[in-house]
Amino acid sequence: MLFASLATDREPLTWSQFPEVLTLWLQTAGGVAAFGIALVLVTLYLSRESHQLFIWQMPAQLRYFRQILRLAVTASGLGYLVLLLAWLGKLTNLPGVGNYLPRASSAAPLTIGDQILMVSGGLALLVAMAPFLIDICTRIRVGRIWAIALLSWKEAVRGRVIWVFGFIALVFLFADWFVTAKAEDQVRSYVRVVYWSITPLFLITAGLLGSFSIPTDVKNNSIHTIVTKPVEKFEIVIGRFFGYAALLTIGLFVVASLSLIYVVRGVNEEAARESYKARVPYFGNDMHFFGTGDRKKGESVGREWAYRTYIKGPLRRRSEKLRQYAIWDFADIPSDLGRRDTPVRFEFTFDIFRLSKGEEGKGVFVTFTFADGDRDGGELELLIKKMAEDRTQMESAASKEYEQAVRGKVDAEQKQLFQQHQKKLAEIDTALMAKYRIYQVKGQEVTDFHTQEFEVPAEIFKILLEEKAVGLKARDANTPPMRVFLGVDMANEQQMLGVARQDFYLLAYEKPFWQNFLKGVIGLWCTHMIVLGVAVALSTYFSAVISLLCAVFLFIAGMNGDYLKEIADKKLDGGGPMESGKRLIGQTPLALKFDPSPTTTVIQTVDETFSWWIRIIMNLVPDVNRHDLHPYVANGFDIGWLDLIVLDNLLPLIGYLLPWAVLAYYLMKYREIANPS
């Protein structure tokens, strides 16, 4: 069960990763473009007009651009030839060719081969897109596109396709019959029901509209009426896409607005505290562990979903050599925190793995320690011990001074002296924080399935930020200004605490829920545009049914992208399909390796080829799960405009649909349909 925590198996893109992502896109899209160019050149060479190896039809004033495109084709071909020779050299164990091959996995750094592949792909993409861009700038007219889009809109309305949007009313009427949840899960359950109901309705509509539009025009011969007029063929494709996209966008906005009313009605107090908000969090940039034996992860408790790893605390009856800590590094602390007059709130949602029954009605108690970014677990315990000794001495001296001062004083004077004493204790805390750069929040109770919080005085951030600006200049520049240690308190019975990087965060502020709900719908809109764009592009060449089936296949494959990636990276238990089949027939355990033999070699070769083929297929499959933003809405976390919507949704959508648009341009341009005069 998930509570108000942002549990994501895939981290969203960051702007620092954008150059690398752009490189991968140029490699993939450029590779597809290079394959298409090679296919066209081979076809022309084998045809009767082999002496005319140019395919670019351009205006007279741009004829000189052909020579540039020829040079780009030559340079791209030479780049791919270098990669081919490097690959053959690797097969023959030629030394020194490894750097001239693309990296083997996404986790490895970019190589010279990646740069060659990027440049070659970029040149091939430039060649493929040149006629497309020239026609867009010189021959395509917005007025004609608008007319075709308006026609598409009217046809869809007359065809009563929009009636499918009315099925959402069934969800509003009967969803409560099937939704059973705890009080704090009310908003979360309603959000999931609404998002999962809207998705299939609009995906079916997008697939049908995109697949049947152009094939129906061709079948009814109505397309001849259009293209015999001064209308470009590609304007039909663009007009159809934008017409249906506008229809789906308006329909989605109306349905989403009605769904929002359904979700927010009668929200109870516990659900409002958990999810009826849009938190703007600052997560730690990195998370690591101390005392667990592995810096990157804690201990495993055998759960299949390994999103969280676990730490344990010391027992009173047994001494531990090393105390275990989960550590968050905060490299990006808002500079205004040190100037605040009010405390800063932190929230956390951890999981408890019980090794004993424990005490009835009690959770697990933990301590948070805020420290300078260069502290480690071993050094921290020594500093805490020294800090506790200093605190005891200073507070003892302050208490003695207070006791002597209040003797013989009247109530009003005693009250004033007590306030001064409390101020003195606060000054001791500030002085100790400044000396040791440590602040502790002790005895925080952790319970399952609830979001909990505590507050930290703003003075600690002022101290840490000043230290970052002054004291850390002589140390590593990558040292974070703040490091937060989480340790389980000493107890009679052992319990384990499950943590992940996004389970603990600094809460900057909160935004309204309704804004977040509508921003989450943008992710749904992106998936609908993917299906619509692919269906329209395929319908320029294939029949309506084949276009629909291909679009559905790509969408389903995109939903299972994580599984396909495991196949491509050969991380599945039991190996590839051939190895798994042999294990199944021979009832061979997964842990047992096959003995070297000709049969084993053949099986491994076939599985290697299959993994390579899946890796190629994945370049054509959309990352559908990227656009699923409902976990942010359901768990009450703000969806950022620049990072999540623009960078992680809209840019990948454009990057995926752009090659399909170029393909549709060529398929429609050279299709045997009457040409405009």
Foldseek 3Di string as FASTA:
>chain_A
DDFLFQQDPDDFDDPVCVVVVLLVLLLLLLVVLLVVLVVVLVVCCPDPNNVPRDDDDADPVCPVCSVVLVVLNVLLVVLVVQQVVLVVCVVVVNPPSVLLHADPDPVDDGGVVSVSSNSSSNSSVCSLCVNVVRCVVPQDDPVLLQVLLVVLLVVCVVVVLLVLLVCVVVCLVCVVVPDDDDLLQQLLRLLVSLVVVVQVSLLVSLLQQQLADVLVCVVVVVVQVVQQASHALLSNLSSSLVSVLVVSVVSLVVSLVVSVVSSPPPRDPSNCVFFQWAFAWQFFPAKFKPPQPGGRAHDDPPDPPPQWGKAKAAAPVDDDPFFMKIKGFHQDDPPCLLVDPDWFKKKFAWDKDDPDPPDPPFAFWKKKKKAFLVDDRVNVVVLVVVLVVVLVVQLVVLVVVLVVVCPPPDPVVNVVSVVVSVVSNVVSVLVSCLVGVMDMDGGDTHDHNHMDMDTDHSNSVVSLVVCLVPVCPVDDVPRGSIMMIMGTDYDNGMMMMIDHRRRMTTGPDIDGLSVQSVLLVLLSSLLSSQLNLQSNLVSLADHSVVSSVVSVVLAVCLVCVVVLVCLLVQVDQQGAPLSVVVCVVVVPDSVDDDDDDPVVVVSVVVSNVVSVVSVSVSSLHQNSVLSRPSSSNSRNHHQDCVRRVPRSGVVSSCSNSVSSSSSSSVSSNPDPHDHYD
